Amino acid sequence: MPYDIAVDKDGALLYSELKTRTVYKVKNDQTEVIITLQGWKPAKLCVTSSDDLMVTMNIDNGTQFKVVRYSGSTVKQTVQFDEEGQPLYSGNNAIKYVSENRNLDICVADCGAGAVVVVNQAGKLRFRYTGHPSPTKNQPFKTRGITTDSQSRILTTDGENHCIHILDAYGQFLRYIDHCGLDNPFGLCVDSNDSLFVCEFNKGNVKKIRYLN
């Protein structure tokens, strides 16, 4: 059951597999195991600017969640609690995506909490974004996909309101993308030209959107 994919700087394919609790690396038709977990399930992947790999994971009983940074198979960092020892993320099996911003912040779309949770490179909480009041967006904010662009803006999906929120690097709401007839937007990716790719969960489409002038 492959759960997510990423590509490292050498062009190798990385993917997580829930059943085996493993992250695999595929290059030149050769597959190798790089991470195998005990008691935790690997989920979403993000290759960082330094070519580390960030892996989101849930404990088996679904009560805990964390983001772990790896260099190869070696753990470099674990992000799970704030400075008061409280969990940074909701402890449920709701999907959580992760992305690294250009300023090296770690950005997590926490659907279970209805929040974007952003910590700095050291894992210290910077802000939580829980949506923006709007008379036309009256469904609960359930963020799923998340990505960042060349200006350190954060883009995250709001599937039930059929739009995408754009934030600045400090967590301030900038605007919606809601004019493209989006239907339950889910996964996101921004390329090197700041073109946005959005997958629509209900339709099975991928849309390419130019959201900047």
Protein backbone atom coordinates (compact mmCIF):
# COMPACT_ATOMS: atom_id res chain seq x y z
CA MET A 1 0.00 0.00 0.00
CA PRO A 2 2.23 2.87 -1.21
CA TYR A 3 1.22 6.06 0.58
CA ASP A 4 3.40 8.85 -0.80
CA ILE A 5 6.25 9.53 -3.21
CA ALA A 6 9.13 12.00 -3.44
CA VAL A 7 12.22 12.47 -5.60
CA ASP A 8 15.67 13.19 -4.18
CA LYS A 9 18.36 15.39 -5.71
CA ASP A 10 19.88 12.42 -7.56
CA GLY A 11 16.56 11.70 -9.24
CA ALA A 12 15.86 8.57 -7.20
CA LEU A 13 12.24 7.76 -6.38
CA LEU A 14 11.34 7.45 -2.70
CA TYR A 15 8.07 5.96 -1.51
CA SER A 16 6.48 5.01 1.79
CA GLU A 17 4.60 1.76 2.31
CA LEU A 18 2.19 1.38 5.21
CA LYS A 19 1.95 -2.41 5.39
CA THR A 20 5.70 -2.96 5.69
CA ARG A 21 6.29 0.28 7.69
CA THR A 22 9.09 1.01 5.26
CA VAL A 23 10.45 3.79 3.05
CA TYR A 24 12.04 2.54 -0.15
CA LYS A 25 14.44 4.10 -2.65
CA VAL A 26 14.33 3.17 -6.33
CA LYS A 27 17.13 4.07 -8.76
CA ASN A 28 18.25 2.41 -11.99
CA ASP A 29 15.58 -0.26 -11.49
CA GLN A 30 17.14 -1.21 -8.14
CA THR A 31 15.04 -0.99 -4.97
CA GLU A 32 16.55 -0.64 -1.51
CA VAL A 33 15.14 -0.17 1.97
CA ILE A 34 16.26 3.06 3.61
CA ILE A 35 13.94 3.25 6.64
CA THR A 36 11.95 0.58 8.50
CA LEU A 37 9.91 1.54 11.57
CA GLN A 38 8.74 -0.35 14.65
CA GLY A 39 5.46 0.72 16.26
CA TRP A 40 5.05 3.64 13.85
CA LYS A 41 3.70 3.91 10.30
CA PRO A 42 5.42 6.13 7.71
CA ALA A 43 3.08 8.38 5.75
CA LYS A 44 3.96 11.56 3.84
CA LEU A 45 7.41 12.41 2.50
CA CYS A 46 9.31 15.62 1.74
CA VAL A 47 12.84 15.96 0.38
CA THR A 48 14.44 19.09 1.84
CA SER A 49 16.77 21.64 0.26
CA SER A 50 19.71 19.88 1.94
CA ASP A 51 18.53 16.53 0.50
CA ASP A 52 17.40 15.22 3.86
CA LEU A 53 14.13 13.32 3.96
CA MET A 54 11.28 14.34 6.25
CA VAL A 55 8.77 11.60 7.05
CA THR A 56 5.45 12.09 8.81
CA MET A 57 4.36 9.14 10.92
CA ASN A 58 1.61 7.94 13.25
CA ILE A 59 2.02 5.60 16.18
CA ASP A 60 0.14 2.32 15.73
CA ASN A 61 -2.79 3.22 18.00
CA GLY A 62 -3.19 6.58 16.26
CA THR A 63 -2.72 8.72 19.38
CA GLN A 64 0.61 10.31 18.47
CA PHE A 65 2.10 11.96 15.39
CA LYS A 66 5.54 13.30 14.59
CA VAL A 67 7.79 14.51 11.79
CA VAL A 68 11.21 12.89 11.59
CA ARG A 69 14.13 14.16 9.52
CA TYR A 70 16.54 11.60 8.12
CA SER A 71 19.92 11.78 6.46
CA GLY A 72 19.99 8.49 4.63
CA SER A 73 18.81 6.03 7.27
CA THR A 74 19.98 8.15 10.23
CA VAL A 75 17.55 10.20 12.32
CA LYS A 76 18.66 13.84 12.50
CA GLN A 77 15.62 15.47 14.09
CA THR A 78 12.23 14.65 15.59
CA VAL A 79 9.48 17.27 15.76
CA GLN A 80 6.61 16.25 18.04
CA PHE A 81 6.21 18.52 21.09
CA ASP A 82 6.27 22.26 21.82
CA GLU A 83 8.37 23.94 24.51
CA GLU A 84 5.78 23.08 27.16
CA GLY A 85 5.85 19.42 26.20
CA GLN A 86 2.44 19.55 24.52
CA PRO A 87 1.87 17.80 21.18
CA LEU A 88 2.31 20.07 18.20
CA TYR A 89 -0.02 17.99 16.05
CA SER A 90 -3.34 16.24 16.50
CA GLY A 91 -3.08 12.66 17.69
CA ASN A 92 -5.30 10.94 15.18
CA ASN A 93 -4.95 9.13 11.89
CA ALA A 94 -6.24 12.07 9.83
CA ILE A 95 -3.98 12.74 6.87
CA LYS A 96 -1.10 15.18 7.40
CA TYR A 97 1.11 16.52 4.62
CA VAL A 98 4.53 18.14 5.14
CA SER A 99 6.56 20.67 3.17
CA GLU A 100 9.78 22.64 3.77
CA ASN A 101 9.61 26.37 3.12
CA ARG A 102 12.43 28.39 1.52
CA ASN A 103 13.22 29.85 4.95
CA LEU A 104 13.65 26.23 6.17
CA ASP A 105 10.45 26.24 8.22
CA ILE A 106 8.67 22.87 8.47
CA CYS A 107 5.04 23.26 7.44
CA VAL A 108 2.45 20.59 8.26
CA ALA A 109 -1.15 20.52 7.05
CA ASP A 110 -2.94 18.93 10.03
CA CYS A 111 -6.41 17.96 8.83
CA GLY A 112 -7.42 16.55 12.22
CA ALA A 113 -6.73 19.87 13.93
CA GLY A 114 -8.01 22.01 11.07
CA ALA A 115 -4.70 23.87 11.10
CA VAL A 116 -1.45 24.55 9.32
CA VAL A 117 1.29 24.09 11.93
CA VAL A 118 4.62 25.76 11.17
CA VAL A 119 7.83 25.28 13.15
CA ASN A 120 11.26 26.70 12.41
CA GLN A 121 14.31 24.68 11.41
CA ALA A 122 15.00 23.87 15.07
CA GLY A 123 11.45 22.57 15.59
CA LYS A 124 10.17 25.56 17.60
CA LEU A 125 6.57 26.55 16.96
CA ARG A 126 6.23 29.72 14.87
CA PHE A 127 2.49 29.81 14.24
CA ARG A 128 -0.75 27.94 13.65
CA TYR A 129 -3.13 28.99 10.92
CA THR A 130 -6.72 27.84 11.40
CA GLY A 131 -8.43 29.44 8.41
CA HIS A 132 -9.71 32.85 7.36
CA PRO A 133 -13.23 34.18 8.03
CA SER A 134 -15.29 34.46 4.87
CA PRO A 135 -19.05 34.65 4.26
CA THR A 136 -18.68 32.31 1.27
CA LYS A 137 -16.45 29.72 2.98
CA ASN A 138 -18.79 28.26 5.60
CA GLN A 139 -17.51 24.68 5.86
CA PRO A 140 -14.90 23.67 8.48
CA PHE A 141 -11.29 24.26 7.41
CA LYS A 142 -9.84 20.79 6.77
CA THR A 143 -6.45 21.37 5.23
CA ARG A 144 -4.78 18.51 3.42
CA GLY A 145 -2.20 19.21 0.72
CA ILE A 146 0.50 21.82 1.37
CA THR A 147 3.34 23.31 -0.62
CA THR A 148 5.49 26.46 -0.73
CA ASP A 149 6.73 28.71 -3.53
CA SER A 150 9.80 30.78 -4.43
CA GLN A 151 8.66 33.69 -2.22
CA SER A 152 8.18 31.48 0.86
CA ARG A 153 4.41 31.68 0.51
CA ILE A 154 2.50 28.70 1.88
CA LEU A 155 -0.34 27.21 -0.18
CA THR A 156 -2.74 24.73 1.36
CA THR A 157 -5.96 23.07 0.22
CA ASP A 158 -9.38 23.55 1.77
CA GLY A 159 -11.31 20.72 0.16
CA GLU A 160 -14.75 21.22 1.64
CA ASN A 161 -14.70 24.90 0.66
CA HIS A 162 -13.24 24.02 -2.77
CA CYS A 163 -10.39 26.50 -2.60
CA ILE A 164 -6.71 27.00 -1.79
CA HIS A 165 -5.42 29.39 0.89
CA ILE A 166 -2.25 31.40 0.27
CA LEU A 167 -0.31 32.58 3.36
CA ASP A 168 2.88 34.55 3.72
CA ALA A 169 5.88 33.13 5.58
CA TYR A 170 4.55 34.65 8.85
CA GLY A 171 1.18 32.93 8.66
CA GLN A 172 -0.82 35.94 7.44
CA PHE A 173 -3.63 35.15 5.02
CA LEU A 174 -3.05 36.70 1.58
CA ARG A 175 -5.88 35.41 -0.61
CA TYR A 176 -7.82 32.43 -1.90
CA ILE A 177 -7.50 30.58 -5.17
CA ASP A 178 -11.15 29.80 -5.82
CA HIS A 179 -11.83 30.93 -9.37
CA CYS A 180 -10.71 27.78 -11.19
CA GLY A 181 -13.73 25.58 -10.59
CA LEU A 182 -11.84 23.45 -8.08
CA ASP A 183 -13.64 20.36 -6.81
CA ASN A 184 -12.27 19.12 -3.46
CA PRO A 185 -8.60 20.07 -4.06
CA PHE A 186 -6.28 17.68 -2.27
CA GLY A 187 -2.58 17.32 -3.14
CA LEU A 188 -0.44 20.30 -4.21
CA CYS A 189 2.91 20.91 -5.85
CA VAL A 190 4.64 24.10 -7.07
CA ASP A 191 7.32 23.79 -9.74
CA SER A 192 10.43 25.93 -10.25
CA ASN A 193 8.41 28.47 -12.28
CA ASP A 194 5.80 28.87 -9.54
CA SER A 195 3.18 26.99 -11.53
CA LEU A 196 0.77 25.24 -9.18
CA PHE A 197 -0.38 21.66 -9.76
CA VAL A 198 -3.53 20.64 -7.90
CA CYS A 199 -5.15 17.22 -7.78
CA GLU A 200 -8.93 17.11 -7.38
CA PHE A 201 -9.99 14.22 -5.16
CA ASN A 202 -13.52 13.82 -6.49
CA LYS A 203 -12.73 14.07 -10.19
CA GLY A 204 -9.30 12.44 -10.33
CA ASN A 205 -7.94 15.44 -12.28
CA VAL A 206 -4.71 17.38 -12.00
CA LYS A 207 -4.99 21.09 -12.84
CA LYS A 208 -2.09 23.42 -13.60
CA ILE A 209 -2.75 26.94 -12.34
CA ARG A 210 -0.84 30.18 -12.82
CA TYR A 211 -1.69 32.06 -9.64
CA LEU A 212 0.88 34.87 -9.93
CA ASN A 213 0.94 37.80 -12.35
